ModelCIF file with pLDDT and N, C-alpha, C, O atoms, coordinates in Angstrom:
data_MODEL
#
_entry.id   MODEL 
#
_entity.id                         1 
_entity.type                       polymer 
_entity.pdbx_number_of_molecules   1 
#
_entity_poly.entity_id                      1 
_entity_poly.type                           'polypeptide(L)' 
_entity_poly.nstd_linkage                   no 
_entity_poly.nstd_monomer                   no 
_entity_poly.pdbx_seq_one_letter_code       FNQDFYVGYSPERINPGDKVNTLTKITKIT 
_entity_poly.pdbx_seq_one_letter_code_can   FNQDFYVGYSPERINPGDKVNTLTKITKIT 
_entity_poly.pdbx_strand_id                 A 
#
loop_
_entity_poly_seq.entity_id 
_entity_poly_seq.num 
_entity_poly_seq.mon_id 
_entity_poly_seq.hetero 
1 1  PHE n 
1 2  ASN n 
1 3  GLN n 
1 4  ASP n 
1 5  PHE n 
1 6  TYR n 
1 7  VAL n 
1 8  GLY n 
1 9  TYR n 
1 10 SER n 
1 11 PRO n 
1 12 GLU n 
1 13 ARG n 
1 14 ILE n 
1 15 ASN n 
1 16 PRO n 
1 17 GLY n 
1 18 ASP n 
1 19 LYS n 
1 20 VAL n 
1 21 ASN n 
1 22 THR n 
1 23 LEU n 
1 24 THR n 
1 25 LYS n 
1 26 ILE n 
1 27 THR n 
1 28 LYS n 
1 29 ILE n 
1 30 THR n 
#
_struct_asym.id          A 
_struct_asym.entity_id   1 
#
loop_
_ma_qa_metric.id 
_ma_qa_metric.mode 
_ma_qa_metric.name 
_ma_qa_metric.software_group_id 
_ma_qa_metric.type 
1 global pLDDT . pLDDT 
2 local  pLDDT . pLDDT 
#
_ma_qa_metric_global.metric_id      1 
_ma_qa_metric_global.metric_value   89.37 
_ma_qa_metric_global.model_id       1 
_ma_qa_metric_global.ordinal_id     1 
#
loop_
_ma_qa_metric_local.label_asym_id 
_ma_qa_metric_local.label_comp_id 
_ma_qa_metric_local.label_seq_id 
_ma_qa_metric_local.metric_id 
_ma_qa_metric_local.metric_value 
_ma_qa_metric_local.model_id 
_ma_qa_metric_local.ordinal_id 
A PHE 1  2 96.00 1 1  
A ASN 2  2 97.00 1 2  
A GLN 3  2 96.00 1 3  
A ASP 4  2 97.00 1 4  
A PHE 5  2 97.00 1 5  
A TYR 6  2 98.00 1 6  
A VAL 7  2 98.00 1 7  
A GLY 8  2 98.00 1 8  
A TYR 9  2 98.00 1 9  
A SER 10 2 97.00 1 10 
A PRO 11 2 94.00 1 11 
A GLU 12 2 89.00 1 12 
A ARG 13 2 86.00 1 13 
A ILE 14 2 79.00 1 14 
A ASN 15 2 75.00 1 15 
A PRO 16 2 72.00 1 16 
A GLY 17 2 72.00 1 17 
A ASP 18 2 72.00 1 18 
A LYS 19 2 76.00 1 19 
A VAL 20 2 76.00 1 20 
A ASN 21 2 80.00 1 21 
A THR 22 2 85.00 1 22 
A LEU 23 2 89.00 1 23 
A THR 24 2 90.00 1 24 
A LYS 25 2 92.00 1 25 
A ILE 26 2 94.00 1 26 
A THR 27 2 96.00 1 27 
A LYS 28 2 97.00 1 28 
A ILE 29 2 97.00 1 29 
A THR 30 2 98.00 1 30 
#
loop_
_atom_site.group_PDB 
_atom_site.id 
_atom_site.type_symbol 
_atom_site.label_atom_id 
_atom_site.label_alt_id 
_atom_site.label_comp_id 
_atom_site.label_asym_id 
_atom_site.label_entity_id 
_atom_site.label_seq_id 
_atom_site.pdbx_PDB_ins_code 
_atom_site.Cartn_x 
_atom_site.Cartn_y 
_atom_site.Cartn_z 
_atom_site.occupancy 
_atom_site.B_iso_or_equiv 
_atom_site.pdbx_formal_charge 
_atom_site.auth_seq_id 
_atom_site.auth_comp_id 
_atom_site.auth_asym_id 
_atom_site.auth_atom_id 
_atom_site.pdbx_PDB_model_num 
ATOM 1   N N  . PHE A 1 1  ? -113.712 -36.292 -90.956  1.00 96.00 ? 1  PHE A N  1 
ATOM 2   C CA . PHE A 1 1  ? -113.941 -37.710 -91.332  1.00 96.00 ? 1  PHE A CA 1 
ATOM 3   C C  . PHE A 1 1  ? -115.326 -38.102 -91.620  1.00 96.00 ? 1  PHE A C  1 
ATOM 4   O O  . PHE A 1 1  ? -116.211 -37.816 -90.814  1.00 96.00 ? 1  PHE A O  1 
ATOM 5   N N  . ASN A 1 2  ? -115.602 -38.784 -92.789  1.00 97.00 ? 2  ASN A N  1 
ATOM 6   C CA . ASN A 1 2  ? -116.927 -39.250 -92.839  1.00 97.00 ? 2  ASN A CA 1 
ATOM 7   C C  . ASN A 1 2  ? -118.242 -38.236 -92.997  1.00 97.00 ? 2  ASN A C  1 
ATOM 8   O O  . ASN A 1 2  ? -119.391 -38.590 -93.259  1.00 97.00 ? 2  ASN A O  1 
ATOM 9   N N  . GLN A 1 3  ? -117.724 -36.774 -92.750  1.00 96.00 ? 3  GLN A N  1 
ATOM 10  C CA . GLN A 1 3  ? -118.465 -35.781 -92.813  1.00 96.00 ? 3  GLN A CA 1 
ATOM 11  C C  . GLN A 1 3  ? -118.327 -34.824 -94.038  1.00 96.00 ? 3  GLN A C  1 
ATOM 12  O O  . GLN A 1 3  ? -119.227 -34.394 -94.760  1.00 96.00 ? 3  GLN A O  1 
ATOM 13  N N  . ASP A 1 4  ? -116.826 -34.567 -94.107  1.00 97.00 ? 4  ASP A N  1 
ATOM 14  C CA . ASP A 1 4  ? -116.735 -33.814 -95.095  1.00 97.00 ? 4  ASP A CA 1 
ATOM 15  C C  . ASP A 1 4  ? -115.710 -34.216 -96.115  1.00 97.00 ? 4  ASP A C  1 
ATOM 16  O O  . ASP A 1 4  ? -115.466 -33.557 -97.126  1.00 97.00 ? 4  ASP A O  1 
ATOM 17  N N  . PHE A 1 5  ? -115.019 -35.551 -95.718  1.00 97.00 ? 5  PHE A N  1 
ATOM 18  C CA . PHE A 1 5  ? -114.377 -36.336 -96.717  1.00 97.00 ? 5  PHE A CA 1 
ATOM 19  C C  . PHE A 1 5  ? -114.275 -37.610 -96.428  1.00 97.00 ? 5  PHE A C  1 
ATOM 20  O O  . PHE A 1 5  ? -114.466 -37.904 -95.248  1.00 97.00 ? 5  PHE A O  1 
ATOM 21  N N  . TYR A 1 6  ? -114.004 -38.539 -97.243  1.00 98.00 ? 6  TYR A N  1 
ATOM 22  C CA . TYR A 1 6  ? -114.138 -40.021 -97.438  1.00 98.00 ? 6  TYR A CA 1 
ATOM 23  C C  . TYR A 1 6  ? -113.014 -40.848 -97.505  1.00 98.00 ? 6  TYR A C  1 
ATOM 24  O O  . TYR A 1 6  ? -112.040 -40.381 -98.096  1.00 98.00 ? 6  TYR A O  1 
ATOM 25  N N  . VAL A 1 7  ? -112.925 -41.993 -97.022  1.00 98.00 ? 7  VAL A N  1 
ATOM 26  C CA . VAL A 1 7  ? -111.740 -42.807 -97.336  1.00 98.00 ? 7  VAL A CA 1 
ATOM 27  C C  . VAL A 1 7  ? -111.999 -44.273 -97.712  1.00 98.00 ? 7  VAL A C  1 
ATOM 28  O O  . VAL A 1 7  ? -112.890 -45.011 -97.289  1.00 98.00 ? 7  VAL A O  1 
ATOM 29  N N  . GLY A 1 8  ? -111.037 -44.531 -98.590  1.00 98.00 ? 8  GLY A N  1 
ATOM 30  C CA . GLY A 1 8  ? -111.218 -45.976 -98.885  1.00 98.00 ? 8  GLY A CA 1 
ATOM 31  C C  . GLY A 1 8  ? -110.003 -46.716 -98.784  1.00 98.00 ? 8  GLY A C  1 
ATOM 32  O O  . GLY A 1 8  ? -109.014 -46.024 -98.542  1.00 98.00 ? 8  GLY A O  1 
ATOM 33  N N  . TYR A 1 9  ? -109.770 -48.283 -98.940  1.00 98.00 ? 9  TYR A N  1 
ATOM 34  C CA . TYR A 1 9  ? -108.524 -48.846 -99.149  1.00 98.00 ? 9  TYR A CA 1 
ATOM 35  C C  . TYR A 1 9  ? -108.725 -49.909 -100.129 1.00 98.00 ? 9  TYR A C  1 
ATOM 36  O O  . TYR A 1 9  ? -109.680 -50.672 -99.979  1.00 98.00 ? 9  TYR A O  1 
ATOM 37  N N  . SER A 1 10 ? -107.822 -50.057 -101.245 1.00 97.00 ? 10 SER A N  1 
ATOM 38  C CA . SER A 1 10 ? -107.797 -50.935 -102.208 1.00 97.00 ? 10 SER A CA 1 
ATOM 39  C C  . SER A 1 10 ? -106.391 -51.328 -102.000 1.00 97.00 ? 10 SER A C  1 
ATOM 40  O O  . SER A 1 10 ? -105.517 -50.483 -102.196 1.00 97.00 ? 10 SER A O  1 
ATOM 41  N N  . PRO A 1 11 ? -106.161 -52.214 -101.720 1.00 94.00 ? 11 PRO A N  1 
ATOM 42  C CA . PRO A 1 11 ? -104.879 -52.911 -101.761 1.00 94.00 ? 11 PRO A CA 1 
ATOM 43  C C  . PRO A 1 11 ? -104.184 -53.289 -103.116 1.00 94.00 ? 11 PRO A C  1 
ATOM 44  O O  . PRO A 1 11 ? -104.790 -54.025 -103.894 1.00 94.00 ? 11 PRO A O  1 
ATOM 45  N N  . GLU A 1 12 ? -102.684 -52.718 -103.492 1.00 89.00 ? 12 GLU A N  1 
ATOM 46  C CA . GLU A 1 12 ? -102.270 -53.271 -104.652 1.00 89.00 ? 12 GLU A CA 1 
ATOM 47  C C  . GLU A 1 12 ? -101.906 -54.567 -104.807 1.00 89.00 ? 12 GLU A C  1 
ATOM 48  O O  . GLU A 1 12 ? -101.549 -55.201 -103.814 1.00 89.00 ? 12 GLU A O  1 
ATOM 49  N N  . ARG A 1 13 ? -101.935 -55.094 -105.927 1.00 86.00 ? 13 ARG A N  1 
ATOM 50  C CA . ARG A 1 13 ? -101.612 -56.759 -105.818 1.00 86.00 ? 13 ARG A CA 1 
ATOM 51  C C  . ARG A 1 13 ? -100.589 -56.909 -107.141 1.00 86.00 ? 13 ARG A C  1 
ATOM 52  O O  . ARG A 1 13 ? -100.452 -57.973 -107.746 1.00 86.00 ? 13 ARG A O  1 
ATOM 53  N N  . ILE A 1 14 ? -99.993  -55.841 -107.439 1.00 79.00 ? 14 ILE A N  1 
ATOM 54  C CA . ILE A 1 14 ? -99.298  -56.025 -108.771 1.00 79.00 ? 14 ILE A CA 1 
ATOM 55  C C  . ILE A 1 14 ? -97.927  -56.718 -108.320 1.00 79.00 ? 14 ILE A C  1 
ATOM 56  O O  . ILE A 1 14 ? -97.271  -56.328 -107.354 1.00 79.00 ? 14 ILE A O  1 
ATOM 57  N N  . ASN A 1 15 ? -97.555  -57.869 -109.197 1.00 75.00 ? 15 ASN A N  1 
ATOM 58  C CA . ASN A 1 15 ? -96.574  -58.512 -109.060 1.00 75.00 ? 15 ASN A CA 1 
ATOM 59  C C  . ASN A 1 15 ? -95.269  -57.886 -110.097 1.00 75.00 ? 15 ASN A C  1 
ATOM 60  O O  . ASN A 1 15 ? -95.336  -57.993 -111.321 1.00 75.00 ? 15 ASN A O  1 
ATOM 61  N N  . PRO A 1 16 ? -94.340  -57.363 -109.535 1.00 72.00 ? 16 PRO A N  1 
ATOM 62  C CA . PRO A 1 16 ? -93.106  -56.487 -110.275 1.00 72.00 ? 16 PRO A CA 1 
ATOM 63  C C  . PRO A 1 16 ? -92.530  -57.401 -111.167 1.00 72.00 ? 16 PRO A C  1 
ATOM 64  O O  . PRO A 1 16 ? -92.175  -58.527 -110.819 1.00 72.00 ? 16 PRO A O  1 
ATOM 65  N N  . GLY A 1 17 ? -92.416  -56.933 -112.376 1.00 72.00 ? 17 GLY A N  1 
ATOM 66  C CA . GLY A 1 17 ? -91.619  -57.591 -113.574 1.00 72.00 ? 17 GLY A CA 1 
ATOM 67  C C  . GLY A 1 17 ? -92.681  -58.717 -114.245 1.00 72.00 ? 17 GLY A C  1 
ATOM 68  O O  . GLY A 1 17 ? -92.342  -59.319 -115.264 1.00 72.00 ? 17 GLY A O  1 
ATOM 69  N N  . ASP A 1 18 ? -93.790  -58.924 -113.706 1.00 72.00 ? 18 ASP A N  1 
ATOM 70  C CA . ASP A 1 18 ? -94.719  -59.956 -114.343 1.00 72.00 ? 18 ASP A CA 1 
ATOM 71  C C  . ASP A 1 18 ? -95.733  -59.132 -115.435 1.00 72.00 ? 18 ASP A C  1 
ATOM 72  O O  . ASP A 1 18 ? -96.582  -58.260 -115.251 1.00 72.00 ? 18 ASP A O  1 
ATOM 73  N N  . LYS A 1 19 ? -95.234  -59.834 -116.676 1.00 76.00 ? 19 LYS A N  1 
ATOM 74  C CA . LYS A 1 19 ? -95.945  -58.843 -117.870 1.00 76.00 ? 19 LYS A CA 1 
ATOM 75  C C  . LYS A 1 19 ? -97.249  -59.909 -118.244 1.00 76.00 ? 19 LYS A C  1 
ATOM 76  O O  . LYS A 1 19 ? -97.839  -59.723 -119.308 1.00 76.00 ? 19 LYS A O  1 
ATOM 77  N N  . VAL A 1 20 ? -97.562  -60.726 -117.581 1.00 76.00 ? 20 VAL A N  1 
ATOM 78  C CA . VAL A 1 20 ? -98.944  -61.472 -117.694 1.00 76.00 ? 20 VAL A CA 1 
ATOM 79  C C  . VAL A 1 20 ? -99.964  -61.180 -116.853 1.00 76.00 ? 20 VAL A C  1 
ATOM 80  O O  . VAL A 1 20 ? -101.067 -60.833 -117.276 1.00 76.00 ? 20 VAL A O  1 
ATOM 81  N N  . ASN A 1 21 ? -99.621  -61.321 -115.339 1.00 80.00 ? 21 ASN A N  1 
ATOM 82  C CA . ASN A 1 21 ? -100.690 -60.941 -114.535 1.00 80.00 ? 21 ASN A CA 1 
ATOM 83  C C  . ASN A 1 21 ? -100.362 -59.430 -114.138 1.00 80.00 ? 21 ASN A C  1 
ATOM 84  O O  . ASN A 1 21 ? -99.711  -59.082 -113.153 1.00 80.00 ? 21 ASN A O  1 
ATOM 85  N N  . THR A 1 22 ? -100.960 -58.575 -115.133 1.00 85.00 ? 22 THR A N  1 
ATOM 86  C CA . THR A 1 22 ? -100.863 -57.137 -115.006 1.00 85.00 ? 22 THR A CA 1 
ATOM 87  C C  . THR A 1 22 ? -101.980 -56.332 -113.976 1.00 85.00 ? 22 THR A C  1 
ATOM 88  O O  . THR A 1 22 ? -102.863 -56.861 -113.301 1.00 85.00 ? 22 THR A O  1 
ATOM 89  N N  . LEU A 1 23 ? -101.715 -55.191 -114.061 1.00 89.00 ? 23 LEU A N  1 
ATOM 90  C CA . LEU A 1 23 ? -102.914 -54.487 -112.942 1.00 89.00 ? 23 LEU A CA 1 
ATOM 91  C C  . LEU A 1 23 ? -104.288 -54.947 -113.299 1.00 89.00 ? 23 LEU A C  1 
ATOM 92  O O  . LEU A 1 23 ? -105.052 -55.428 -112.462 1.00 89.00 ? 23 LEU A O  1 
ATOM 93  N N  . THR A 1 24 ? -104.605 -54.780 -114.635 1.00 90.00 ? 24 THR A N  1 
ATOM 94  C CA . THR A 1 24 ? -105.985 -54.923 -115.137 1.00 90.00 ? 24 THR A CA 1 
ATOM 95  C C  . THR A 1 24 ? -106.513 -56.084 -115.099 1.00 90.00 ? 24 THR A C  1 
ATOM 96  O O  . THR A 1 24 ? -107.741 -56.179 -115.115 1.00 90.00 ? 24 THR A O  1 
ATOM 97  N N  . LYS A 1 25 ? -105.643 -57.293 -115.039 1.00 92.00 ? 25 LYS A N  1 
ATOM 98  C CA . LYS A 1 25 ? -106.026 -58.675 -115.057 1.00 92.00 ? 25 LYS A CA 1 
ATOM 99  C C  . LYS A 1 25 ? -106.137 -59.464 -113.699 1.00 92.00 ? 25 LYS A C  1 
ATOM 100 O O  . LYS A 1 25 ? -106.343 -60.673 -113.595 1.00 92.00 ? 25 LYS A O  1 
ATOM 101 N N  . ILE A 1 26 ? -105.940 -58.444 -112.550 1.00 94.00 ? 26 ILE A N  1 
ATOM 102 C CA . ILE A 1 26 ? -105.898 -58.974 -111.229 1.00 94.00 ? 26 ILE A CA 1 
ATOM 103 C C  . ILE A 1 26 ? -107.253 -58.428 -110.478 1.00 94.00 ? 26 ILE A C  1 
ATOM 104 O O  . ILE A 1 26 ? -107.646 -57.263 -110.427 1.00 94.00 ? 26 ILE A O  1 
ATOM 105 N N  . THR A 1 27 ? -107.718 -59.332 -110.040 1.00 96.00 ? 27 THR A N  1 
ATOM 106 C CA . THR A 1 27 ? -109.039 -58.697 -109.237 1.00 96.00 ? 27 THR A CA 1 
ATOM 107 C C  . THR A 1 27 ? -108.688 -57.734 -107.907 1.00 96.00 ? 27 THR A C  1 
ATOM 108 O O  . THR A 1 27 ? -107.973 -58.078 -106.966 1.00 96.00 ? 27 THR A O  1 
ATOM 109 N N  . LYS A 1 28 ? -109.281 -56.606 -108.042 1.00 97.00 ? 28 LYS A N  1 
ATOM 110 C CA . LYS A 1 28 ? -109.032 -55.555 -107.215 1.00 97.00 ? 28 LYS A CA 1 
ATOM 111 C C  . LYS A 1 28 ? -109.952 -55.686 -106.122 1.00 97.00 ? 28 LYS A C  1 
ATOM 112 O O  . LYS A 1 28 ? -111.167 -55.736 -106.311 1.00 97.00 ? 28 LYS A O  1 
ATOM 113 N N  . ILE A 1 29 ? -109.363 -55.751 -104.863 1.00 97.00 ? 29 ILE A N  1 
ATOM 114 C CA . ILE A 1 29 ? -110.125 -55.264 -103.694 1.00 97.00 ? 29 ILE A CA 1 
ATOM 115 C C  . ILE A 1 29 ? -110.645 -54.124 -103.236 1.00 97.00 ? 29 ILE A C  1 
ATOM 116 O O  . ILE A 1 29 ? -109.732 -53.301 -103.170 1.00 97.00 ? 29 ILE A O  1 
ATOM 117 N N  . THR A 1 30 ? -111.555 -53.714 -102.922 1.00 98.00 ? 30 THR A N  1 
ATOM 118 C CA . THR A 1 30 ? -112.194 -52.220 -102.606 1.00 98.00 ? 30 THR A CA 1 
ATOM 119 C C  . THR A 1 30 ? -112.826 -52.292 -101.293 1.00 98.00 ? 30 THR A C  1 
ATOM 120 O O  . THR A 1 30 ? -113.382 -51.300 -100.821 1.00 98.00 ? 30 THR A O  1 
#
């Protein structure tokens, strides 16, 4: 880890069934 490969965490914030606040319209934590 951190020598041969690297890791990140980016939580999903999708609201199932919501057609207004979709994936691209929600700020993404990285």
